[in-house]
């Protein structure tokens, strides 16, 4: 679902929302989706959030 949102927003515009979801969402599936989307986006900000996260795919 988050991957679909990133396509609609444009990947770079979605990074802040994905970082927020990764860091604060209560549901593991949302955090997992955010992690995957950030890894696919691949901008420096996205990759930093991805690598700093305690969650792994």
PDB file of N, CA and C in Angstrom:
ATOM      1  N   UNK A   1       0.819  -1.183   0.000  1.00  0.00           N
ATOM      2  CA  UNK A   1       0.000   0.000   0.000  1.00  0.00           C
ATOM      3  C   UNK A   1       0.869   1.254   0.000  1.00  0.00           C
ATOM      4  N   UNK A   2       1.888   1.327   0.841  1.00  0.00           N
ATOM      5  CA  UNK A   2       2.737   2.518   0.876  1.00  0.00           C
ATOM      6  C   UNK A   2       3.470   2.717  -0.434  1.00  0.00           C
ATOM      7  N   UNK A   3       3.819   1.618  -1.111  1.00  0.00           N
ATOM      8  CA  UNK A   3       4.484   1.749  -2.400  1.00  0.00           C
ATOM      9  C   UNK A   3       3.567   2.432  -3.406  1.00  0.00           C
ATOM     10  N   UNK A   4       2.261   2.128  -3.354  1.00  0.00           N
ATOM     11  CA  UNK A   4       1.298   2.766  -4.247  1.00  0.00           C
ATOM     12  C   UNK A   4       1.184   4.253  -3.945  1.00  0.00           C
ATOM     13  N   UNK A   5       1.231   4.607  -2.675  1.00  0.00           N
ATOM     14  CA  UNK A   5       1.165   6.017  -2.284  1.00  0.00           C
ATOM     15  C   UNK A   5       2.389   6.762  -2.793  1.00  0.00           C
ATOM     16  N   UNK A   6       3.551   6.150  -2.690  1.00  0.00           N
ATOM     17  CA  UNK A   6       4.766   6.828  -3.150  1.00  0.00           C
ATOM     18  C   UNK A   6       4.723   7.085  -4.643  1.00  0.00           C
ATOM     19  N   UNK A   7       4.128   6.183  -5.400  1.00  0.00           N
ATOM     20  CA  UNK A   7       4.016   6.399  -6.843  1.00  0.00           C
ATOM     21  C   UNK A   7       3.081   7.559  -7.137  1.00  0.00           C
ATOM     22  N   UNK A   8       2.009   7.691  -6.355  1.00  0.00           N
ATOM     23  CA  UNK A   8       1.064   8.781  -6.553  1.00  0.00           C
ATOM     24  C   UNK A   8       1.646  10.132  -6.161  1.00  0.00           C
ATOM     25  N   UNK A   9       2.421  10.183  -5.118  1.00  0.00           N
ATOM     26  CA  UNK A   9       3.003  11.438  -4.644  1.00  0.00           C
ATOM     27  C   UNK A   9       4.257  11.821  -5.410  1.00  0.00           C
ATOM     28  N   UNK A  10       4.944  10.872  -5.897  1.00  0.00           N
ATOM     29  CA  UNK A  10       6.301  11.083  -6.392  1.00  0.00           C
ATOM     30  C   UNK A  10       7.216  10.633  -5.270  1.00  0.00           C
ATOM     31  N   UNK A  11       8.158   9.817  -5.591  1.00  0.00           N
ATOM     32  CA  UNK A  11       8.963   9.149  -4.572  1.00  0.00           C
ATOM     33  C   UNK A  11       9.631  10.111  -3.600  1.00  0.00           C
ATOM     34  N   UNK A  12      10.265  11.148  -4.105  1.00  0.00           N
ATOM     35  CA  UNK A  12      10.994  12.059  -3.216  1.00  0.00           C
ATOM     36  C   UNK A  12      10.051  12.783  -2.264  1.00  0.00           C
ATOM     37  N   UNK A  13       8.853  13.115  -2.726  1.00  0.00           N
ATOM     38  CA  UNK A  13       7.885  13.801  -1.871  1.00  0.00           C
ATOM     39  C   UNK A  13       7.348  12.901  -0.764  1.00  0.00           C
ATOM     40  N   UNK A  14       7.409  11.593  -0.961  1.00  0.00           N
ATOM     41  CA  UNK A  14       6.868  10.644   0.012  1.00  0.00           C
ATOM     42  C   UNK A  14       7.836  10.317   1.142  1.00  0.00           C
ATOM     43  N   UNK A  15       9.111  10.665   0.994  1.00  0.00           N
ATOM     44  CA  UNK A  15      10.120  10.271   1.983  1.00  0.00           C
ATOM     45  C   UNK A  15       9.773  10.720   3.402  1.00  0.00           C
ATOM     46  N   UNK A  16       9.403  11.983   3.649  1.00  0.00           N
ATOM     47  CA  UNK A  16       9.093  12.369   5.035  1.00  0.00           C
ATOM     48  C   UNK A  16       7.961  11.540   5.656  1.00  0.00           C
ATOM     49  N   UNK A  17       6.918  11.259   4.883  1.00  0.00           N
ATOM     50  CA  UNK A  17       5.809  10.454   5.411  1.00  0.00           C
ATOM     51  C   UNK A  17       6.250   9.020   5.676  1.00  0.00           C
ATOM     52  N   UNK A  18       7.096   8.484   4.815  1.00  0.00           N
ATOM     53  CA  UNK A  18       7.595   7.125   5.019  1.00  0.00           C
ATOM     54  C   UNK A  18       8.501   7.037   6.237  1.00  0.00           C
ATOM     55  N   UNK A  19       9.339   8.042   6.430  1.00  0.00           N
ATOM     56  CA  UNK A  19      10.212   8.076   7.614  1.00  0.00           C
ATOM     57  C   UNK A  19       9.353   8.135   8.872  1.00  0.00           C
ATOM     58  N   UNK A  20       8.326   8.960   8.846  1.00  0.00           N
ATOM     59  CA  UNK A  20       7.408   9.074   9.990  1.00  0.00           C
ATOM     60  C   UNK A  20       6.756   7.719  10.279  1.00  0.00           C
ATOM     61  N   UNK A  21       6.280   7.053   9.237  1.00  0.00           N
ATOM     62  CA  UNK A  21       5.655   5.740   9.415  1.00  0.00           C
ATOM     63  C   UNK A  21       6.654   4.728   9.959  1.00  0.00           C
ATOM     64  N   UNK A  22       7.853   4.748   9.432  1.00  0.00           N
ATOM     65  CA  UNK A  22       8.890   3.812   9.876  1.00  0.00           C
ATOM     66  C   UNK A  22       9.226   4.002  11.347  1.00  0.00           C
ATOM     67  N   UNK A  23       9.300   5.229  11.779  1.00  0.00           N
ATOM     68  CA  UNK A  23       9.726   5.519  13.147  1.00  0.00           C
ATOM     69  C   UNK A  23       8.606   5.440  14.178  1.00  0.00           C
ATOM     70  N   UNK A  24       7.349   5.617  13.746  1.00  0.00           N
ATOM     71  CA  UNK A  24       6.301   5.791  14.750  1.00  0.00           C
ATOM     72  C   UNK A  24       5.072   4.901  14.609  1.00  0.00           C
ATOM     73  N   UNK A  25       4.919   4.191  13.501  1.00  0.00           N
ATOM     74  CA  UNK A  25       3.700   3.405  13.345  1.00  0.00           C
ATOM     75  C   UNK A  25       3.730   2.181  14.253  1.00  0.00           C
ATOM     76  N   UNK A  26       2.579   1.852  14.810  1.00  0.00           N
ATOM     77  CA  UNK A  26       2.467   0.722  15.731  1.00  0.00           C
ATOM     78  C   UNK A  26       2.430  -0.631  15.020  1.00  0.00           C
ATOM     79  N   UNK A  27       2.131  -0.635  13.737  1.00  0.00           N
ATOM     80  CA  UNK A  27       1.941  -1.887  13.013  1.00  0.00           C
ATOM     81  C   UNK A  27       3.191  -2.274  12.233  1.00  0.00           C
ATOM     82  N   UNK A  28       3.676  -3.488  12.465  1.00  0.00           N
ATOM     83  CA  UNK A  28       4.903  -3.946  11.828  1.00  0.00           C
ATOM     84  C   UNK A  28       4.792  -3.963  10.317  1.00  0.00           C
ATOM     85  N   UNK A  29       3.614  -4.290   9.794  1.00  0.00           N
ATOM     86  CA  UNK A  29       3.472  -4.368   8.343  1.00  0.00           C
ATOM     87  C   UNK A  29       3.636  -2.988   7.700  1.00  0.00           C
ATOM     88  N   UNK A  30       3.195  -1.944   8.382  1.00  0.00           N
ATOM     89  CA  UNK A  30       3.385  -0.579   7.879  1.00  0.00           C
ATOM     90  C   UNK A  30       4.867  -0.224   7.914  1.00  0.00           C
ATOM     91  N   UNK A  31       5.532  -0.556   9.022  1.00  0.00           N
ATOM     92  CA  UNK A  31       6.971  -0.275   9.124  1.00  0.00           C
ATOM     93  C   UNK A  31       7.759  -1.049   8.066  1.00  0.00           C
ATOM     94  N   UNK A  32       7.376  -2.296   7.831  1.00  0.00           N
ATOM     95  CA  UNK A  32       8.051  -3.100   6.806  1.00  0.00           C
ATOM     96  C   UNK A  32       7.849  -2.499   5.421  1.00  0.00           C
ATOM     97  N   UNK A  33       6.637  -2.066   5.133  1.00  0.00           N
ATOM     98  CA  UNK A  33       6.362  -1.446   3.834  1.00  0.00           C
ATOM     99  C   UNK A  33       7.135  -0.148   3.667  1.00  0.00           C
ATOM    100  N   UNK A  34       7.205   0.642   4.733  1.00  0.00           N
ATOM    101  CA  UNK A  34       7.961   1.895   4.683  1.00  0.00           C
ATOM    102  C   UNK A  34       9.439   1.618   4.453  1.00  0.00           C
ATOM    103  N   UNK A  35       9.968   0.598   5.111  1.00  0.00           N
ATOM    104  CA  UNK A  35      11.371   0.230   4.931  1.00  0.00           C
ATOM    105  C   UNK A  35      11.648  -0.144   3.482  1.00  0.00           C
ATOM    106  N   UNK A  36      10.788  -0.962   2.910  1.00  0.00           N
ATOM    107  CA  UNK A  36      10.960  -1.367   1.516  1.00  0.00           C
ATOM    108  C   UNK A  36      10.869  -0.197   0.556  1.00  0.00           C
ATOM    109  N   UNK A  37       9.904   0.680   0.789  1.00  0.00           N
ATOM    110  CA  UNK A  37       9.737   1.842  -0.086  1.00  0.00           C
ATOM    111  C   UNK A  37      10.935   2.777   0.005  1.00  0.00           C
ATOM    112  N   UNK A  38      11.432   3.013   1.205  1.00  0.00           N
ATOM    113  CA  UNK A  38      12.606   3.883   1.369  1.00  0.00           C
ATOM    114  C   UNK A  38      13.820   3.298   0.662  1.00  0.00           C
ATOM    115  N   UNK A  39      13.995   2.001   0.768  1.00  0.00           N
ATOM    116  CA  UNK A  39      15.107   1.353   0.078  1.00  0.00           C
ATOM    117  C   UNK A  39      14.998   1.475  -1.431  1.00  0.00           C
ATOM    118  N   UNK A  40      13.781   1.383  -1.959  1.00  0.00           N
ATOM    119  CA  UNK A  40      13.578   1.511  -3.399  1.00  0.00           C
ATOM    120  C   UNK A  40      13.754   2.946  -3.879  1.00  0.00           C
ATOM    121  N   UNK A  41      13.347   3.915  -3.078  1.00  0.00           N
ATOM    122  CA  UNK A  41      13.470   5.321  -3.473  1.00  0.00           C
ATOM    123  C   UNK A  41      14.934   5.685  -3.631  1.00  0.00           C
ATOM    124  N   UNK A  42      15.740   5.319  -2.653  1.00  0.00           N
ATOM    125  CA  UNK A  42      17.182   5.418  -2.785  1.00  0.00           C
ATOM    126  C   UNK A  42      17.817   6.797  -2.694  1.00  0.00           C
ATOM    127  N   UNK A  43      17.068   7.833  -2.323  1.00  0.00           N
ATOM    128  CA  UNK A  43      17.690   9.143  -2.135  1.00  0.00           C
ATOM    129  C   UNK A  43      18.545   9.097  -0.871  1.00  0.00           C
ATOM    130  N   UNK A  44      19.486  10.022  -0.711  1.00  0.00           N
ATOM    131  CA  UNK A  44      20.309  10.011   0.510  1.00  0.00           C
ATOM    132  C   UNK A  44      19.473  10.040   1.793  1.00  0.00           C
ATOM    133  N   UNK A  45      18.431  10.867   1.826  1.00  0.00           N
ATOM    134  CA  UNK A  45      17.568  10.936   3.015  1.00  0.00           C
ATOM    135  C   UNK A  45      16.853   9.603   3.248  1.00  0.00           C
ATOM    136  N   UNK A  46      16.343   8.998   2.185  1.00  0.00           N
ATOM    137  CA  UNK A  46      15.645   7.716   2.305  1.00  0.00           C
ATOM    138  C   UNK A  46      16.594   6.619   2.765  1.00  0.00           C
ATOM    139  N   UNK A  47      17.786   6.579   2.190  1.00  0.00           N
ATOM    140  CA  UNK A  47      18.748   5.542   2.568  1.00  0.00           C
ATOM    141  C   UNK A  47      19.256   5.715   3.990  1.00  0.00           C
ATOM    142  N   UNK A  48      19.387   6.957   4.443  1.00  0.00           N
ATOM    143  CA  UNK A  48      19.796   7.194   5.832  1.00  0.00           C
ATOM    144  C   UNK A  48      18.733   6.658   6.783  1.00  0.00           C
ATOM    145  N   UNK A  49      17.469   6.982   6.527  1.00  0.00           N
ATOM    146  CA  UNK A  49      16.386   6.480   7.376  1.00  0.00           C
ATOM    147  C   UNK A  49      16.340   4.958   7.336  1.00  0.00           C
ATOM    148  N   UNK A  50      16.535   4.396   6.151  1.00  0.00           N
ATOM    149  CA  UNK A  50      16.550   2.944   5.979  1.00  0.00           C
ATOM    150  C   UNK A  50      17.677   2.318   6.793  1.00  0.00           C
ATOM    151  N   UNK A  51      18.874   2.872   6.698  1.00  0.00           N
ATOM    152  CA  UNK A  51      20.019   2.283   7.402  1.00  0.00           C
ATOM    153  C   UNK A  51      19.993   2.546   8.902  1.00  0.00           C
ATOM    154  N   UNK A  52      19.390   3.659   9.325  1.00  0.00           N
ATOM    155  CA  UNK A  52      19.292   3.974  10.751  1.00  0.00           C
ATOM    156  C   UNK A  52      18.213   3.163  11.459  1.00  0.00           C
ATOM    157  N   UNK A  53      17.312   2.599  10.695  1.00  0.00           N
ATOM    158  CA  UNK A  53      16.177   1.894  11.278  1.00  0.00           C
ATOM    159  C   UNK A  53      16.616   0.605  11.962  1.00  0.00           C
ATOM    160  N   UNK A  54      15.929   0.277  13.037  1.00  0.00           N
ATOM    161  CA  UNK A  54      16.189  -0.999  13.701  1.00  0.00           C
ATOM    162  C   UNK A  54      15.428  -2.131  13.016  1.00  0.00           C
ATOM    163  N   UNK A  55      14.565  -1.791  12.071  1.00  0.00           N
ATOM    164  CA  UNK A  55      13.768  -2.783  11.365  1.00  0.00           C
ATOM    165  C   UNK A  55      14.480  -3.185  10.091  1.00  0.00           C
ATOM    166  N   UNK A  56      14.463  -4.452   9.796  1.00  0.00           N
ATOM    167  CA  UNK A  56      15.096  -4.975   8.592  1.00  0.00           C
ATOM    168  C   UNK A  56      14.103  -5.846   7.842  1.00  0.00           C
ATOM    169  N   UNK A  57      14.274  -5.909   6.544  1.00  0.00           N
ATOM    170  CA  UNK A  57      13.416  -6.767   5.718  1.00  0.00           C
ATOM    171  C   UNK A  57      13.874  -8.200   5.796  1.00  0.00           C
TER     172      UNK A  57
END
